[in-house]
Amino acid sequence: MKAFREMQFLSSEELYKTENISEMEYIGAKSSYKAAQANYLGAEASLKIQQRQLANSTFTSPIAGYIANLDLEVGQMVGVGTHIASIVNIKKMIIKTGVSSKDIIKIKKNQIADLELEDLGKKYKGRVSGVGLKPINNSANYPIEIVLDNKNKEILPGMIVQGKILSKLNKQVIYISQDNIIERYDEKIVFIISDGKVEKRNLKLGKKLNEYVIVKSGLNEGEKLVVQGYDNLSETSKVIIK
């Protein structure tokens, strides 16, 4: 419309100079041209405002990830501080847990953590990324954080993962389950099988490792340990291994 009015005005201007139209017709053409210019400028300003509003309506997350929760609906007005969405990034997971005061002194940053997700039956390697210096609120446990590369995106937020952190390595030791030890007064006893007969052994035990215990003396490598039915055994009982 602006270009059309401009052409009309220029044409009327030439006609007016050659006295082929009246002054009133020339003034009318000039007025229409100025009105078209004003309308064009107004439309241009309105377009810029609409473009700015469109740009302001686009939200960009400061982190990469997936939208877990979207708290907006189409057409909803939002203000400063309004919660828009929850973003999760599962490429690298952070596992937050706690350990006792007995264990926290053994854990250092960058130690390797063996992790297992029972639901998938898979094991992973993590790394201690943070160690707390004071207990968790209303707890006797100290907080630690373990970071895990989740390249295959198999672990999702909220899943329960079991973890073990190796604090000390015991080499060249014999250890057995505490369930296989019989306690008789002050004795710690197990039974082994030798030449088809049961033989009682008195043990000297060392450090406990969860459900296991280190045997300092009383057992030798390669000996066959009775792990079931030992309550009904006595020394020199004959047995058949099945």
Protein backbone atom coordinates (compact mmCIF):
# COMPACT_ATOMS: atom_id res chain seq x y z
CA MET A 1 0.00 0.00 0.00
CA LYS A 2 2.88 2.41 0.82
CA ALA A 3 4.48 1.80 -2.61
CA PHE A 4 1.14 2.31 -4.37
CA ARG A 5 0.51 5.62 -2.55
CA GLU A 6 4.08 6.72 -3.31
CA MET A 7 3.55 6.04 -7.03
CA GLN A 8 0.25 7.97 -6.94
CA PHE A 9 1.92 10.92 -5.22
CA LEU A 10 4.86 11.05 -7.67
CA SER A 11 2.49 10.82 -10.61
CA SER A 12 0.25 13.59 -9.17
CA GLU A 13 3.34 15.72 -8.50
CA GLU A 14 4.38 15.55 -12.18
CA LEU A 15 0.84 16.27 -13.33
CA TYR A 16 0.61 19.24 -10.95
CA LYS A 17 3.89 20.67 -12.27
CA THR A 18 2.52 20.51 -15.82
CA GLU A 19 -0.79 21.98 -14.59
CA ASN A 20 -2.74 18.87 -15.61
CA ILE A 21 -4.40 18.53 -12.16
CA SER A 22 -5.63 21.05 -9.67
CA GLU A 23 -3.87 22.04 -6.47
CA MET A 24 -6.61 20.35 -4.42
CA GLU A 25 -6.02 17.05 -6.20
CA TYR A 26 -2.27 17.39 -5.62
CA ILE A 27 -2.75 18.14 -1.90
CA GLY A 28 -5.09 15.14 -1.60
CA ALA A 29 -2.51 12.80 -3.20
CA LYS A 30 0.23 14.18 -0.93
CA SER A 31 -1.96 13.71 2.15
CA SER A 32 -2.76 10.11 1.17
CA TYR A 33 0.96 9.41 0.70
CA LYS A 34 1.86 10.76 4.16
CA ALA A 35 -0.96 8.74 5.74
CA ALA A 36 0.36 5.59 4.00
CA GLN A 37 3.86 6.37 5.32
CA ALA A 38 2.54 6.74 8.86
CA ASN A 39 0.61 3.49 8.62
CA TYR A 40 3.71 1.72 7.31
CA LEU A 41 5.89 2.99 10.17
CA GLY A 42 3.22 2.01 12.69
CA ALA A 43 2.97 -1.50 11.23
CA GLU A 44 6.79 -1.80 11.27
CA ALA A 45 6.94 -0.80 14.95
CA SER A 46 4.15 -3.25 15.79
CA LEU A 47 6.03 -6.02 13.97
CA LYS A 48 9.16 -5.35 16.04
CA ILE A 49 7.13 -5.48 19.24
CA GLN A 50 5.56 -8.80 18.22
CA GLN A 51 8.96 -10.23 17.27
CA ARG A 52 10.40 -9.18 20.62
CA GLN A 53 7.45 -10.77 22.45
CA LEU A 54 7.95 -13.98 20.45
CA ALA A 55 11.64 -14.04 21.36
CA ASN A 56 10.79 -13.49 25.04
CA SER A 57 8.31 -16.36 24.96
CA THR A 58 11.08 -18.88 24.17
CA PHE A 59 12.68 -20.49 27.24
CA THR A 60 16.20 -21.88 27.03
CA SER A 61 17.46 -24.25 29.71
CA PRO A 62 20.90 -23.41 31.17
CA ILE A 63 21.72 -27.15 31.16
CA ALA A 64 21.31 -29.98 28.68
CA GLY A 65 18.90 -32.77 29.56
CA TYR A 66 15.33 -34.01 29.41
CA ILE A 67 12.14 -32.36 30.67
CA ALA A 68 10.95 -34.40 33.65
CA ASN A 69 8.09 -32.09 34.71
CA LEU A 70 6.45 -29.30 32.74
CA ASP A 71 4.41 -26.98 34.95
CA LEU A 72 2.97 -24.76 32.19
CA GLU A 73 -0.08 -24.96 29.97
CA VAL A 74 -0.64 -23.35 26.59
CA GLY A 75 -1.73 -19.74 27.02
CA GLN A 76 -0.70 -19.51 30.66
CA MET A 77 0.91 -16.22 31.78
CA VAL A 78 4.12 -16.45 33.78
CA GLY A 79 6.06 -13.98 35.86
CA VAL A 80 9.56 -13.64 37.24
CA GLY A 81 10.42 -16.57 39.52
CA THR A 82 7.71 -18.87 38.19
CA HIS A 83 8.79 -22.53 38.13
CA ILE A 84 8.67 -23.63 34.50
CA ALA A 85 10.03 -27.17 34.32
CA SER A 86 12.33 -29.75 35.89
CA ILE A 87 15.31 -30.77 33.75
CA VAL A 88 17.28 -33.96 34.31
CA ASN A 89 20.54 -35.02 32.72
CA ILE A 90 21.11 -38.77 33.05
CA LYS A 91 24.42 -38.98 31.19
CA LYS A 92 26.20 -38.52 34.50
CA MET A 93 24.44 -39.55 37.71
CA ILE A 94 25.24 -38.44 41.26
CA ILE A 95 24.44 -40.95 43.99
CA LYS A 96 23.93 -39.44 47.44
CA THR A 97 24.20 -41.71 50.46
CA GLY A 98 25.65 -41.85 53.96
CA VAL A 99 28.12 -43.94 55.94
CA SER A 100 28.83 -44.38 59.62
CA SER A 101 31.47 -42.47 61.58
CA LYS A 102 33.49 -45.69 61.63
CA ASP A 103 33.60 -45.82 57.82
CA ILE A 104 33.81 -42.12 56.91
CA ILE A 105 37.44 -41.90 58.05
CA LYS A 106 38.36 -44.64 55.54
CA ILE A 107 36.76 -42.95 52.54
CA LYS A 108 38.67 -40.46 50.43
CA LYS A 109 37.77 -38.42 47.39
CA ASN A 110 38.32 -40.19 44.02
CA GLN A 111 38.10 -43.69 45.53
CA ILE A 112 36.46 -46.26 43.25
CA ALA A 113 32.97 -47.49 44.19
CA ASP A 114 31.56 -50.81 42.97
CA LEU A 115 27.86 -50.29 42.21
CA GLU A 116 25.13 -52.78 41.43
CA LEU A 117 21.60 -52.25 40.13
CA GLU A 118 19.71 -55.36 41.20
CA ASP A 119 16.71 -54.68 38.95
CA LEU A 120 18.96 -55.02 35.88
CA GLY A 121 21.48 -57.40 37.38
CA LYS A 122 24.31 -55.16 36.19
CA LYS A 123 27.41 -53.76 37.86
CA TYR A 124 29.04 -50.38 37.34
CA LYS A 125 32.08 -48.43 38.46
CA GLY A 126 31.65 -45.08 40.19
CA ARG A 127 33.97 -42.58 41.82
CA VAL A 128 33.67 -40.78 45.16
CA SER A 129 33.23 -37.11 44.27
CA GLY A 130 32.48 -35.67 47.71
CA VAL A 131 32.90 -36.54 51.39
CA GLY A 132 30.92 -34.74 54.11
CA LEU A 133 32.54 -33.29 57.21
CA LYS A 134 29.47 -33.36 59.45
CA PRO A 135 26.57 -35.80 59.88
CA ILE A 136 23.38 -35.61 57.85
CA ASN A 137 20.61 -33.77 59.72
CA ASN A 138 18.87 -35.99 62.29
CA SER A 139 21.24 -38.85 61.47
CA ALA A 140 24.49 -40.38 62.70
CA ASN A 141 25.66 -40.97 59.13
CA TYR A 142 28.06 -38.75 57.19
CA PRO A 143 27.13 -37.82 53.60
CA ILE A 144 29.12 -38.93 50.58
CA GLU A 145 28.52 -38.46 46.86
CA ILE A 146 29.43 -40.90 44.11
CA VAL A 147 29.50 -39.87 40.47
CA LEU A 148 28.69 -42.44 37.78
CA ASP A 149 29.00 -42.21 33.99
CA ASN A 150 25.64 -43.40 32.68
CA LYS A 151 26.59 -43.61 29.00
CA ASN A 152 23.94 -46.22 28.14
CA LYS A 153 21.29 -44.31 30.13
CA GLU A 154 20.29 -47.49 31.96
CA ILE A 155 20.07 -45.89 35.41
CA LEU A 156 17.26 -43.42 36.01
CA PRO A 157 16.71 -40.98 38.90
CA GLY A 158 15.08 -42.63 41.90
CA MET A 159 16.44 -46.14 41.25
CA ILE A 160 18.06 -47.92 44.20
CA VAL A 161 21.71 -48.80 43.70
CA GLN A 162 23.85 -50.82 46.10
CA GLY A 163 27.45 -49.75 46.43
CA LYS A 164 30.71 -50.89 47.99
CA ILE A 165 33.84 -48.80 48.47
CA LEU A 166 37.12 -50.65 48.89
CA SER A 167 38.86 -49.07 51.88
CA LYS A 168 41.48 -51.75 52.51
CA LEU A 169 42.78 -54.74 50.55
CA ASN A 170 43.65 -57.95 52.41
CA LYS A 171 45.93 -60.17 50.35
CA GLN A 172 46.83 -63.84 50.79
CA VAL A 173 44.29 -64.53 53.56
CA ILE A 174 41.77 -67.28 54.22
CA TYR A 175 38.28 -66.10 55.07
CA ILE A 176 34.97 -67.88 55.64
CA SER A 177 31.36 -66.97 56.34
CA GLN A 178 30.57 -66.38 59.98
CA ASP A 179 27.54 -68.66 59.51
CA ASN A 180 29.88 -71.65 59.12
CA ILE A 181 31.50 -71.17 62.53
CA ILE A 182 30.25 -73.09 65.57
CA GLU A 183 30.74 -71.40 68.93
CA ARG A 184 31.22 -73.73 71.90
CA TYR A 185 32.09 -71.88 75.06
CA ASP A 186 35.25 -69.97 74.16
CA GLU A 187 35.99 -72.10 71.10
CA LYS A 188 35.42 -71.19 67.49
CA ILE A 189 34.99 -74.46 65.61
CA VAL A 190 34.54 -75.66 62.04
CA PHE A 191 34.51 -79.10 60.49
CA ILE A 192 36.50 -80.16 57.48
CA ILE A 193 36.40 -83.38 55.48
CA SER A 194 39.55 -85.44 55.14
CA ASP A 195 39.70 -88.97 53.71
CA GLY A 196 35.91 -89.36 54.04
CA LYS A 197 35.89 -88.46 57.71
CA VAL A 198 34.98 -85.31 59.61
CA GLU A 199 37.74 -83.49 61.42
CA LYS A 200 37.19 -80.71 63.94
CA ARG A 201 39.31 -77.58 63.75
CA ASN A 202 39.70 -74.85 66.35
CA LEU A 203 40.10 -71.46 64.71
CA LYS A 204 41.91 -68.31 65.59
CA LEU A 205 39.99 -65.50 63.96
CA GLY A 206 41.00 -62.09 62.75
CA LYS A 207 39.12 -59.08 61.42
CA LYS A 208 35.46 -59.31 60.45
CA LEU A 209 34.55 -58.26 56.91
CA ASN A 210 30.77 -57.84 56.86
CA GLU A 211 29.39 -61.41 56.89
CA TYR A 212 32.87 -62.91 56.56
CA VAL A 213 35.80 -63.24 58.94
CA ILE A 214 39.53 -63.74 58.34
CA VAL A 215 40.98 -67.01 59.66
CA LYS A 216 44.44 -66.50 61.17
CA SER A 217 45.01 -70.19 61.94
CA GLY A 218 43.15 -73.50 61.97
CA LEU A 219 42.43 -73.79 58.23
CA ASN A 220 44.66 -74.37 55.27
CA GLU A 221 44.15 -73.48 51.63
CA GLY A 222 42.38 -76.21 49.65
CA GLU A 223 40.73 -78.00 52.59
CA LYS A 224 37.07 -78.99 52.24
CA LEU A 225 34.88 -77.07 54.70
CA VAL A 226 31.50 -78.39 55.86
CA VAL A 227 28.95 -75.61 55.28
CA GLN A 228 25.65 -77.47 55.92
CA GLY A 229 24.49 -80.02 58.47
CA TYR A 230 27.45 -79.51 60.77
CA ASP A 231 25.22 -79.29 63.89
CA ASN A 232 24.74 -83.08 63.80
CA LEU A 233 28.38 -83.95 63.20
CA SER A 234 30.99 -85.18 65.59
CA GLU A 235 34.68 -85.76 65.08
CA THR A 236 35.56 -88.87 63.03
CA SER A 237 32.00 -89.09 61.58
CA LYS A 238 32.06 -90.68 58.16
CA VAL A 239 30.55 -88.64 55.35
CA ILE A 240 29.98 -88.97 51.62
CA ILE A 241 30.47 -85.87 49.49
CA LYS A 242 27.69 -85.40 46.94
